[in-house]
Amino acid sequence: MKSKILILFASLLLSFNALAISLQDAKAQGFVGEQTNGYLGLVKETSDAKTLVSSINAKRKSHYQKIAKKNSLSISDVAKLAAEKAIKATKKGHYIQTTSGKWVKK
């Protein structure tokens, strides 16, 4: 089961690479960051960043639901695991959210 989860997370990360240019640009410009709940958050609100966050989070939720269903886990457990991986993978200088909800640069 653990290997299935890892494969699904890898496919999740690869699917986000399709949006990598705009997502990475938004991260590099400090508009968005990784939250502790497994979803992308707005650091600085702009209409483009807000649209990007909505799009990415809808895709993440769909992937989390698939992973949760296949592995008999709750979606919040999957999102929590994804948050740990996303925050760990965040590049230096990009924003991450602390457990208190504060945005900090990694």
PDB file of N, CA and C in Angstrom:
ATOM      1  N   MET A   1       0.818  -1.184   0.000  1.00  0.00           N
ATOM      2  CA  MET A   1       0.000   0.000   0.000  1.00  0.00           C
ATOM      3  C   MET A   1       0.870   1.259   0.000  1.00  0.00           C
ATOM      4  N   LYS A   2       1.984   1.238   0.734  1.00  0.00           N
ATOM      5  CA  LYS A   2       2.862   2.398   0.793  1.00  0.00           C
ATOM      6  C   LYS A   2       3.413   2.733  -0.584  1.00  0.00           C
ATOM      7  N   SER A   3       3.770   1.693  -1.359  1.00  0.00           N
ATOM      8  CA  SER A   3       4.307   1.956  -2.698  1.00  0.00           C
ATOM      9  C   SER A   3       3.238   2.559  -3.607  1.00  0.00           C
ATOM     10  N   LYS A   4       1.986   2.123  -3.425  1.00  0.00           N
ATOM     11  CA  LYS A   4       0.908   2.706  -4.226  1.00  0.00           C
ATOM     12  C   LYS A   4       0.758   4.189  -3.920  1.00  0.00           C
ATOM     13  N   ILE A   5       0.853   4.518  -2.637  1.00  0.00           N
ATOM     14  CA  ILE A   5       0.729   5.926  -2.239  1.00  0.00           C
ATOM     15  C   ILE A   5       1.874   6.739  -2.837  1.00  0.00           C
ATOM     16  N   LEU A   6       3.081   6.198  -2.801  1.00  0.00           N
ATOM     17  CA  LEU A   6       4.232   6.913  -3.364  1.00  0.00           C
ATOM     18  C   LEU A   6       4.066   7.116  -4.868  1.00  0.00           C
ATOM     19  N   ILE A   7       3.569   6.095  -5.562  1.00  0.00           N
ATOM     20  CA  ILE A   7       3.359   6.207  -7.009  1.00  0.00           C
ATOM     21  C   ILE A   7       2.293   7.266  -7.298  1.00  0.00           C
ATOM     22  N   LEU A   8       1.246   7.265  -6.506  1.00  0.00           N
ATOM     23  CA  LEU A   8       0.194   8.258  -6.721  1.00  0.00           C
ATOM     24  C   LEU A   8       0.693   9.669  -6.431  1.00  0.00           C
ATOM     25  N   PHE A   9       1.540   9.821  -5.395  1.00  0.00           N
ATOM     26  CA  PHE A   9       2.111  11.138  -5.118  1.00  0.00           C
ATOM     27  C   PHE A   9       3.029  11.581  -6.256  1.00  0.00           C
ATOM     28  N   ALA A  10       3.791  10.637  -6.808  1.00  0.00           N
ATOM     29  CA  ALA A  10       4.669  10.976  -7.931  1.00  0.00           C
ATOM     30  C   ALA A  10       3.850  11.440  -9.122  1.00  0.00           C
ATOM     31  N   SER A  11       2.747  10.748  -9.395  1.00  0.00           N
ATOM     32  CA  SER A  11       1.902  11.164 -10.517  1.00  0.00           C
ATOM     33  C   SER A  11       1.262  12.515 -10.234  1.00  0.00           C
ATOM     34  N   LEU A  12       0.956  12.745  -8.974  1.00  0.00           N
ATOM     35  CA  LEU A  12       0.407  14.044  -8.585  1.00  0.00           C
ATOM     36  C   LEU A  12       1.412  15.157  -8.843  1.00  0.00           C
ATOM     37  N   LEU A  13       2.641  14.933  -8.435  1.00  0.00           N
ATOM     38  CA  LEU A  13       3.671  15.945  -8.654  1.00  0.00           C
ATOM     39  C   LEU A  13       3.934  16.168 -10.129  1.00  0.00           C
ATOM     40  N   LEU A  14       3.932  15.073 -10.913  1.00  0.00           N
ATOM     41  CA  LEU A  14       4.159  15.215 -12.354  1.00  0.00           C
ATOM     42  C   LEU A  14       3.027  15.989 -13.009  1.00  0.00           C
ATOM     43  N   SER A  15       1.804  15.764 -12.553  1.00  0.00           N
ATOM     44  CA  SER A  15       0.680  16.486 -13.155  1.00  0.00           C
ATOM     45  C   SER A  15       0.778  17.977 -12.862  1.00  0.00           C
ATOM     46  N   PHE A  16       1.358  18.336 -11.719  1.00  0.00           N
ATOM     47  CA  PHE A  16       1.530  19.753 -11.408  1.00  0.00           C
ATOM     48  C   PHE A  16       2.618  20.378 -12.258  1.00  0.00           C
ATOM     49  N   ASN A  17       3.544  19.563 -12.767  1.00  0.00           N
ATOM     50  CA  ASN A  17       4.592  20.107 -13.617  1.00  0.00           C
ATOM     51  C   ASN A  17       4.028  20.667 -14.909  1.00  0.00           C
ATOM     52  N   ALA A  18       2.852  20.178 -15.332  1.00  0.00           N
ATOM     53  CA  ALA A  18       2.223  20.717 -16.535  1.00  0.00           C
ATOM     54  C   ALA A  18       1.900  22.193 -16.341  1.00  0.00           C
ATOM     55  N   LEU A  19       1.702  22.583 -15.090  1.00  0.00           N
ATOM     56  CA  LEU A  19       1.422  23.978 -14.770  1.00  0.00           C
ATOM     57  C   LEU A  19       2.655  24.650 -14.176  1.00  0.00           C
ATOM     58  N   ALA A  20       3.809  23.999 -14.280  1.00  0.00           N
ATOM     59  CA  ALA A  20       5.000  24.434 -13.567  1.00  0.00           C
ATOM     60  C   ALA A  20       5.393  25.862 -13.882  1.00  0.00           C
ATOM     61  N   ILE A  21       5.276  26.270 -15.115  1.00  0.00           N
ATOM     62  CA  ILE A  21       5.744  27.619 -15.452  1.00  0.00           C
ATOM     63  C   ILE A  21       4.937  28.665 -14.693  1.00  0.00           C
ATOM     64  N   SER A  22       3.637  28.620 -14.780  1.00  0.00           N
ATOM     65  CA  SER A  22       2.840  29.630 -14.093  1.00  0.00           C
ATOM     66  C   SER A  22       2.880  29.430 -12.573  1.00  0.00           C
ATOM     67  N   LEU A  23       2.864  28.184 -12.126  1.00  0.00           N
ATOM     68  CA  LEU A  23       2.936  27.933 -10.689  1.00  0.00           C
ATOM     69  C   LEU A  23       4.290  28.370 -10.147  1.00  0.00           C
ATOM     70  N   GLN A  24       5.349  27.989 -10.819  1.00  0.00           N
ATOM     71  CA  GLN A  24       6.688  28.365 -10.361  1.00  0.00           C
ATOM     72  C   GLN A  24       6.895  29.879 -10.430  1.00  0.00           C
ATOM     73  N   ASP A  25       6.344  30.504 -11.452  1.00  0.00           N
ATOM     74  CA  ASP A  25       6.428  31.975 -11.539  1.00  0.00           C
ATOM     75  C   ASP A  25       5.710  32.626 -10.359  1.00  0.00           C
ATOM     76  N   ALA A  26       4.528  32.110 -10.045  1.00  0.00           N
ATOM     77  CA  ALA A  26       3.757  32.662  -8.927  1.00  0.00           C
ATOM     78  C   ALA A  26       4.481  32.446  -7.605  1.00  0.00           C
ATOM     79  N   LYS A  27       5.112  31.289  -7.460  1.00  0.00           N
ATOM     80  CA  LYS A  27       5.883  31.018  -6.239  1.00  0.00           C
ATOM     81  C   LYS A  27       7.109  31.929  -6.174  1.00  0.00           C
ATOM     82  N   ALA A  28       7.805  32.051  -7.301  1.00  0.00           N
ATOM     83  CA  ALA A  28       9.022  32.875  -7.329  1.00  0.00           C
ATOM     84  C   ALA A  28       8.722  34.344  -7.053  1.00  0.00           C
ATOM     85  N   GLN A  29       7.539  34.803  -7.464  1.00  0.00           N
ATOM     86  CA  GLN A  29       7.158  36.195  -7.247  1.00  0.00           C
ATOM     87  C   GLN A  29       6.515  36.413  -5.875  1.00  0.00           C
ATOM     88  N   GLY A  30       6.356  35.327  -5.123  1.00  0.00           N
ATOM     89  CA  GLY A  30       5.829  35.441  -3.768  1.00  0.00           C
ATOM     90  C   GLY A  30       4.326  35.623  -3.686  1.00  0.00           C
ATOM     91  N   PHE A  31       3.620  35.255  -4.741  1.00  0.00           N
ATOM     92  CA  PHE A  31       2.164  35.387  -4.735  1.00  0.00           C
ATOM     93  C   PHE A  31       1.476  34.207  -4.044  1.00  0.00           C
ATOM     94  N   VAL A  32       2.088  33.030  -4.121  1.00  0.00           N
ATOM     95  CA  VAL A  32       1.468  31.823  -3.560  1.00  0.00           C
ATOM     96  C   VAL A  32       2.503  31.045  -2.763  1.00  0.00           C
ATOM     97  N   GLY A  33       1.997  30.168  -1.898  1.00  0.00           N
ATOM     98  CA  GLY A  33       2.880  29.324  -1.108  1.00  0.00           C
ATOM     99  C   GLY A  33       2.173  28.043  -0.702  1.00  0.00           C
ATOM    100  N   GLU A  34       2.945  27.139  -0.144  1.00  0.00           N
ATOM    101  CA  GLU A  34       2.403  25.848   0.291  1.00  0.00           C
ATOM    102  C   GLU A  34       1.862  25.962   1.710  1.00  0.00           C
ATOM    103  N   GLN A  35       0.636  25.515   1.879  1.00  0.00           N
ATOM    104  CA  GLN A  35      -0.008  25.551   3.189  1.00  0.00           C
ATOM    105  C   GLN A  35       0.180  24.218   3.908  1.00  0.00           C
ATOM    106  N   THR A  36      -0.053  24.217   5.192  1.00  0.00           N
ATOM    107  CA  THR A  36       0.080  23.000   5.993  1.00  0.00           C
ATOM    108  C   THR A  36      -1.095  22.045   5.802  1.00  0.00           C
ATOM    109  N   ASN A  37      -2.115  22.470   5.076  1.00  0.00           N
ATOM    110  CA  ASN A  37      -3.273  21.598   4.854  1.00  0.00           C
ATOM    111  C   ASN A  37      -3.207  20.844   3.522  1.00  0.00           C
ATOM    112  N   GLY A  38      -2.093  20.976   2.797  1.00  0.00           N
ATOM    113  CA  GLY A  38      -1.931  20.248   1.539  1.00  0.00           C
ATOM    114  C   GLY A  38      -2.387  21.013   0.315  1.00  0.00           C
ATOM    115  N   TYR A  39      -2.810  22.232   0.526  1.00  0.00           N
ATOM    116  CA  TYR A  39      -3.284  23.032  -0.596  1.00  0.00           C
ATOM    117  C   TYR A  39      -2.416  24.277  -0.758  1.00  0.00           C
ATOM    118  N   LEU A  40      -2.490  24.842  -1.960  1.00  0.00           N
ATOM    119  CA  LEU A  40      -1.768  26.064  -2.271  1.00  0.00           C
ATOM    120  C   LEU A  40      -2.521  27.238  -1.655  1.00  0.00           C
ATOM    121  N   GLY A  41      -1.793  28.218  -1.142  1.00  0.00           N
ATOM    122  CA  GLY A  41      -2.434  29.379  -0.535  1.00  0.00           C
ATOM    123  C   GLY A  41      -1.981  30.678  -1.168  1.00  0.00           C
ATOM    124  N   LEU A  42      -2.805  31.717  -0.999  1.00  0.00           N
ATOM    125  CA  LEU A  42      -2.466  33.048  -1.490  1.00  0.00           C
ATOM    126  C   LEU A  42      -1.622  33.783  -0.462  1.00  0.00           C
ATOM    127  N   VAL A  43      -0.458  34.214  -0.861  1.00  0.00           N
ATOM    128  CA  VAL A  43       0.390  35.026   0.012  1.00  0.00           C
ATOM    129  C   VAL A  43       0.089  36.494  -0.254  1.00  0.00           C
ATOM    130  N   LYS A  44       0.046  36.847  -1.543  1.00  0.00           N
ATOM    131  CA  LYS A  44      -0.312  38.200  -1.981  1.00  0.00           C
ATOM    132  C   LYS A  44      -1.435  38.039  -2.995  1.00  0.00           C
ATOM    133  N   GLU A  45      -2.549  38.636  -2.714  1.00  0.00           N
ATOM    134  CA  GLU A  45      -3.718  38.425  -3.564  1.00  0.00           C
ATOM    135  C   GLU A  45      -3.668  39.259  -4.834  1.00  0.00           C
ATOM    136  N   THR A  46      -3.681  38.569  -5.953  1.00  0.00           N
ATOM    137  CA  THR A  46      -3.881  39.171  -7.269  1.00  0.00           C
ATOM    138  C   THR A  46      -4.916  38.294  -7.970  1.00  0.00           C
ATOM    139  N   SER A  47      -5.549  38.814  -8.985  1.00  0.00           N
ATOM    140  CA  SER A  47      -6.571  38.009  -9.658  1.00  0.00           C
ATOM    141  C   SER A  47      -5.961  36.779 -10.322  1.00  0.00           C
ATOM    142  N   ASP A  48      -4.767  36.932 -10.927  1.00  0.00           N
ATOM    143  CA  ASP A  48      -4.105  35.789 -11.562  1.00  0.00           C
ATOM    144  C   ASP A  48      -3.724  34.734 -10.530  1.00  0.00           C
ATOM    145  N   ALA A  49      -3.187  35.179  -9.401  1.00  0.00           N
ATOM    146  CA  ALA A  49      -2.784  34.233  -8.362  1.00  0.00           C
ATOM    147  C   ALA A  49      -4.008  33.527  -7.779  1.00  0.00           C
ATOM    148  N   LYS A  50      -5.091  34.273  -7.621  1.00  0.00           N
ATOM    149  CA  LYS A  50      -6.310  33.684  -7.065  1.00  0.00           C
ATOM    150  C   LYS A  50      -6.861  32.612  -8.007  1.00  0.00           C
ATOM    151  N   THR A  51      -6.831  32.889  -9.302  1.00  0.00           N
ATOM    152  CA  THR A  51      -7.296  31.920 -10.300  1.00  0.00           C
ATOM    153  C   THR A  51      -6.402  30.688 -10.294  1.00  0.00           C
ATOM    154  N   LEU A  52      -5.104  30.910 -10.220  1.00  0.00           N
ATOM    155  CA  LEU A  52      -4.149  29.797 -10.192  1.00  0.00           C
ATOM    156  C   LEU A  52      -4.377  28.919  -8.967  1.00  0.00           C
ATOM    157  N   VAL A  53      -4.537  29.541  -7.811  1.00  0.00           N
ATOM    158  CA  VAL A  53      -4.760  28.792  -6.572  1.00  0.00           C
ATOM    159  C   VAL A  53      -6.033  27.949  -6.674  1.00  0.00           C
ATOM    160  N   SER A  54      -7.084  28.526  -7.197  1.00  0.00           N
ATOM    161  CA  SER A  54      -8.343  27.778  -7.338  1.00  0.00           C
ATOM    162  C   SER A  54      -8.164  26.575  -8.253  1.00  0.00           C
ATOM    163  N   SER A  55      -7.479  26.792  -9.378  1.00  0.00           N
ATOM    164  CA  SER A  55      -7.257  25.710 -10.333  1.00  0.00           C
ATOM    165  C   SER A  55      -6.393  24.593  -9.737  1.00  0.00           C
ATOM    166  N   ILE A  56      -5.286  24.979  -9.135  1.00  0.00           N
ATOM    167  CA  ILE A  56      -4.365  23.982  -8.552  1.00  0.00           C
ATOM    168  C   ILE A  56      -5.063  23.222  -7.421  1.00  0.00           C
ATOM    169  N   ASN A  57      -5.761  23.942  -6.561  1.00  0.00           N
ATOM    170  CA  ASN A  57      -6.395  23.286  -5.416  1.00  0.00           C
ATOM    171  C   ASN A  57      -7.523  22.339  -5.839  1.00  0.00           C
ATOM    172  N   ALA A  58      -8.239  22.667  -6.893  1.00  0.00           N
ATOM    173  CA  ALA A  58      -9.278  21.757  -7.392  1.00  0.00           C
ATOM    174  C   ALA A  58      -8.633  20.461  -7.890  1.00  0.00           C
ATOM    175  N   LYS A  59      -7.504  20.587  -8.584  1.00  0.00           N
ATOM    176  CA  LYS A  59      -6.791  19.392  -9.071  1.00  0.00           C
ATOM    177  C   LYS A  59      -6.208  18.601  -7.911  1.00  0.00           C
ATOM    178  N   ARG A  60      -5.668  19.299  -6.936  1.00  0.00           N
ATOM    179  CA  ARG A  60      -5.121  18.591  -5.773  1.00  0.00           C
ATOM    180  C   ARG A  60      -6.218  17.820  -5.043  1.00  0.00           C
ATOM    181  N   LYS A  61      -7.351  18.470  -4.845  1.00  0.00           N
ATOM    182  CA  LYS A  61      -8.451  17.805  -4.138  1.00  0.00           C
ATOM    183  C   LYS A  61      -8.889  16.548  -4.879  1.00  0.00           C
ATOM    184  N   SER A  62      -8.957  16.622  -6.198  1.00  0.00           N
ATOM    185  CA  SER A  62      -9.335  15.462  -7.001  1.00  0.00           C
ATOM    186  C   SER A  62      -8.321  14.330  -6.830  1.00  0.00           C
ATOM    187  N   HIS A  63      -7.031  14.664  -6.875  1.00  0.00           N
ATOM    188  CA  HIS A  63      -5.987  13.653  -6.687  1.00  0.00           C
ATOM    189  C   HIS A  63      -6.023  13.087  -5.278  1.00  0.00           C
ATOM    190  N   TYR A  64      -6.204  13.937  -4.301  1.00  0.00           N
ATOM    191  CA  TYR A  64      -6.264  13.468  -2.908  1.00  0.00           C
ATOM    192  C   TYR A  64      -7.433  12.494  -2.733  1.00  0.00           C
ATOM    193  N   GLN A  65      -8.550  12.803  -3.359  1.00  0.00           N
ATOM    194  CA  GLN A  65      -9.719  11.922  -3.253  1.00  0.00           C
ATOM    195  C   GLN A  65      -9.427  10.557  -3.872  1.00  0.00           C
ATOM    196  N   LYS A  66      -8.754  10.551  -5.030  1.00  0.00           N
ATOM    197  CA  LYS A  66      -8.402   9.283  -5.681  1.00  0.00           C
ATOM    198  C   LYS A  66      -7.475   8.464  -4.795  1.00  0.00           C
ATOM    199  N   ILE A  67      -6.450   9.124  -4.266  1.00  0.00           N
ATOM    200  CA  ILE A  67      -5.476   8.430  -3.417  1.00  0.00           C
ATOM    201  C   ILE A  67      -6.161   7.904  -2.157  1.00  0.00           C
ATOM    202  N   ALA A  68      -6.989   8.711  -1.555  1.00  0.00           N
ATOM    203  CA  ALA A  68      -7.694   8.306  -0.332  1.00  0.00           C
ATOM    204  C   ALA A  68      -8.583   7.097  -0.586  1.00  0.00           C
ATOM    205  N   LYS A  69      -9.297   7.139  -1.699  1.00  0.00           N
ATOM    206  CA  LYS A  69     -10.210   6.037  -2.018  1.00  0.00           C
ATOM    207  C   LYS A  69      -9.441   4.744  -2.282  1.00  0.00           C
ATOM    208  N   LYS A  70      -8.368   4.828  -3.051  1.00  0.00           N
ATOM    209  CA  LYS A  70      -7.591   3.630  -3.391  1.00  0.00           C
ATOM    210  C   LYS A  70      -6.904   3.018  -2.187  1.00  0.00           C
ATOM    211  N   ASN A  71      -6.617   3.824  -1.183  1.00  0.00           N
ATOM    212  CA  ASN A  71      -5.857   3.329  -0.038  1.00  0.00           C
ATOM    213  C   ASN A  71      -6.665   3.322   1.263  1.00  0.00           C
ATOM    214  N   SER A  72      -7.955   3.512   1.144  1.00  0.00           N
ATOM    215  CA  SER A  72      -8.840   3.510   2.316  1.00  0.00           C
ATOM    216  C   SER A  72      -8.358   4.471   3.405  1.00  0.00           C
ATOM    217  N   LEU A  73      -8.018   5.661   2.982  1.00  0.00           N
ATOM    218  CA  LEU A  73      -7.574   6.707   3.908  1.00  0.00           C
ATOM    219  C   LEU A  73      -8.556   7.867   3.842  1.00  0.00           C
ATOM    220  N   SER A  74      -8.483   8.729   4.813  1.00  0.00           N
ATOM    221  CA  SER A  74      -9.304   9.937   4.740  1.00  0.00           C
ATOM    222  C   SER A  74      -8.593  10.950   3.841  1.00  0.00           C
ATOM    223  N   ILE A  75      -9.367  11.815   3.234  1.00  0.00           N
ATOM    224  CA  ILE A  75      -8.778  12.835   2.359  1.00  0.00           C
ATOM    225  C   ILE A  75      -7.880  13.775   3.166  1.00  0.00           C
ATOM    226  N   SER A  76      -8.232  14.019   4.420  1.00  0.00           N
ATOM    227  CA  SER A  76      -7.384  14.902   5.241  1.00  0.00           C
ATOM    228  C   SER A  76      -6.039  14.246   5.559  1.00  0.00           C
ATOM    229  N   ASP A  77      -6.035  12.913   5.726  1.00  0.00           N
ATOM    230  CA  ASP A  77      -4.754  12.222   5.943  1.00  0.00           C
ATOM    231  C   ASP A  77      -3.871  12.328   4.700  1.00  0.00           C
ATOM    232  N   VAL A  78      -4.475  12.154   3.535  1.00  0.00           N
ATOM    233  CA  VAL A  78      -3.719  12.260   2.282  1.00  0.00           C
ATOM    234  C   VAL A  78      -3.216  13.692   2.103  1.00  0.00           C
ATOM    235  N   ALA A  79      -4.067  14.657   2.378  1.00  0.00           N
ATOM    236  CA  ALA A  79      -3.671  16.062   2.232  1.00  0.00           C
ATOM    237  C   ALA A  79      -2.534  16.405   3.191  1.00  0.00           C
ATOM    238  N   LYS A  80      -2.581  15.861   4.396  1.00  0.00           N
ATOM    239  CA  LYS A  80      -1.525  16.120   5.373  1.00  0.00           C
ATOM    240  C   LYS A  80      -0.189  15.555   4.890  1.00  0.00           C
ATOM    241  N   LEU A  81      -0.214  14.330   4.346  1.00  0.00           N
ATOM    242  CA  LEU A  81       1.011  13.740   3.795  1.00  0.00           C
ATOM    243  C   LEU A  81       1.525  14.559   2.611  1.00  0.00           C
ATOM    244  N   ALA A  82       0.614  14.999   1.775  1.00  0.00           N
ATOM    245  CA  ALA A  82       0.991  15.810   0.615  1.00  0.00           C
ATOM    246  C   ALA A  82       1.591  17.140   1.056  1.00  0.00           C
ATOM    247  N   ALA A  83       1.037  17.723   2.115  1.00  0.00           N
ATOM    248  CA  ALA A  83       1.566  18.995   2.629  1.00  0.00           C
ATOM    249  C   ALA A  83       3.013  18.828   3.088  1.00  0.00           C
ATOM    250  N   GLU A  84       3.274  17.741   3.800  1.00  0.00           N
ATOM    251  CA  GLU A  84       4.640  17.495   4.267  1.00  0.00           C
ATOM    252  C   GLU A  84       5.606  17.394   3.091  1.00  0.00           C
ATOM    253  N   LYS A  85       5.185  16.664   2.056  1.00  0.00           N
ATOM    254  CA  LYS A  85       6.047  16.508   0.873  1.00  0.00           C
ATOM    255  C   LYS A  85       6.198  17.827   0.114  1.00  0.00           C
ATOM    256  N   ALA A  86       5.113  18.562  -0.046  1.00  0.00           N
ATOM    257  CA  ALA A  86       5.158  19.824  -0.795  1.00  0.00           C
ATOM    258  C   ALA A  86       6.019  20.853  -0.069  1.00  0.00           C
ATOM    259  N   ILE A  87       5.880  20.926   1.242  1.00  0.00           N
ATOM    260  CA  ILE A  87       6.676  21.890   2.014  1.00  0.00           C
ATOM    261  C   ILE A  87       8.147  21.492   1.981  1.00  0.00           C
ATOM    262  N   LYS A  88       8.402  20.201   2.070  1.00  0.00           N
ATOM    263  CA  LYS A  88       9.791  19.733   2.002  1.00  0.00           C
ATOM    264  C   LYS A  88      10.396  20.040   0.625  1.00  0.00           C
ATOM    265  N   ALA A  89       9.594  19.933  -0.423  1.00  0.00           N
ATOM    266  CA  ALA A  89      10.079  20.151  -1.793  1.00  0.00           C
ATOM    267  C   ALA A  89      10.115  21.627  -2.192  1.00  0.00           C
ATOM    268  N   THR A  90       9.563  22.494  -1.354  1.00  0.00           N
ATOM    269  CA  THR A  90       9.544  23.922  -1.682  1.00  0.00           C
ATOM    270  C   THR A  90      10.968  24.466  -1.753  1.00  0.00           C
ATOM    271  N   LYS A  91      11.219  25.237  -2.795  1.00  0.00           N
ATOM    272  CA  LYS A  91      12.551  25.813  -2.987  1.00  0.00           C
ATOM    273  C   LYS A  91      12.840  26.907  -1.969  1.00  0.00           C
ATOM    274  N   LYS A  92      14.107  27.082  -1.673  1.00  0.00           N
ATOM    275  CA  LYS A  92      14.545  28.144  -0.779  1.00  0.00           C
ATOM    276  C   LYS A  92      14.109  29.496  -1.363  1.00  0.00           C
ATOM    277  N   GLY A  93      13.550  30.341  -0.510  1.00  0.00           N
ATOM    278  CA  GLY A  93      13.099  31.657  -0.960  1.00  0.00           C
ATOM    279  C   GLY A  93      11.621  31.713  -1.318  1.00  0.00           C
ATOM    280  N   HIS A  94      10.978  30.528  -1.440  1.00  0.00           N
ATOM    281  CA  HIS A  94       9.542  30.493  -1.698  1.00  0.00           C
ATOM    282  C   HIS A  94       8.807  30.392  -0.369  1.00  0.00           C
ATOM    283  N   TYR A  95       7.545  30.782  -0.386  1.00  0.00           N
ATOM    284  CA  TYR A  95       6.770  30.836   0.854  1.00  0.00           C
ATOM    285  C   TYR A  95       6.176  29.492   1.254  1.00  0.00           C
ATOM    286  N   ILE A  96       6.218  29.260   2.570  1.00  0.00           N
ATOM    287  CA  ILE A  96       5.509  28.140   3.186  1.00  0.00           C
ATOM    288  C   ILE A  96       4.746  28.700   4.380  1.00  0.00           C
ATOM    289  N   GLN A  97       3.690  28.009   4.733  1.00  0.00           N
ATOM    290  CA  GLN A  97       2.884  28.443   5.867  1.00  0.00           C
ATOM    291  C   GLN A  97       3.302  27.667   7.113  1.00  0.00           C
ATOM    292  N   THR A  98       3.416  28.373   8.225  1.00  0.00           N
ATOM    293  CA  THR A  98       3.734  27.700   9.489  1.00  0.00           C
ATOM    294  C   THR A  98       2.446  27.124  10.073  1.00  0.00           C
ATOM    295  N   THR A  99       2.586  26.318  11.103  1.00  0.00           N
ATOM    296  CA  THR A  99       1.397  25.744  11.743  1.00  0.00           C
ATOM    297  C   THR A  99       0.531  26.814  12.390  1.00  0.00           C
ATOM    298  N   SER A 100       1.104  27.985  12.673  1.00  0.00           N
ATOM    299  CA  SER A 100       0.308  29.079  13.239  1.00  0.00           C
ATOM    300  C   SER A 100      -0.383  29.904  12.148  1.00  0.00           C
ATOM    301  N   GLY A 101      -0.135  29.554  10.874  1.00  0.00           N
ATOM    302  CA  GLY A 101      -0.783  30.240   9.767  1.00  0.00           C
ATOM    303  C   GLY A 101       0.010  31.394   9.173  1.00  0.00           C
ATOM    304  N   LYS A 102       1.182  31.619   9.704  1.00  0.00           N
ATOM    305  CA  LYS A 102       2.022  32.714   9.219  1.00  0.00           C
ATOM    306  C   LYS A 102       2.805  32.272   7.977  1.00  0.00           C
ATOM    307  N   TRP A 103       2.928  33.176   7.015  1.00  0.00           N
ATOM    308  CA  TRP A 103       3.722  32.897   5.816  1.00  0.00           C
ATOM    309  C   TRP A 103       5.174  33.283   6.070  1.00  0.00           C
ATOM    310  N   VAL A 104       6.083  32.361   5.771  1.00  0.00           N
ATOM    311  CA  VAL A 104       7.514  32.628   5.917  1.00  0.00           C
ATOM    312  C   VAL A 104       8.226  32.109   4.673  1.00  0.00           C
ATOM    313  N   LYS A 105       9.366  32.747   4.365  1.00  0.00           N
ATOM    314  CA  LYS A 105      10.181  32.248   3.260  1.00  0.00           C
ATOM    315  C   LYS A 105      11.020  31.089   3.764  1.00  0.00           C
ATOM    316  N   LYS A 106      11.062  30.035   2.980  1.00  0.00           N
ATOM    317  CA  LYS A 106      11.854  28.863   3.346  1.00  0.00           C
ATOM    318  C   LYS A 106      13.318  29.169   3.183  1.00  0.00           C
TER     319      LYS A 106
END
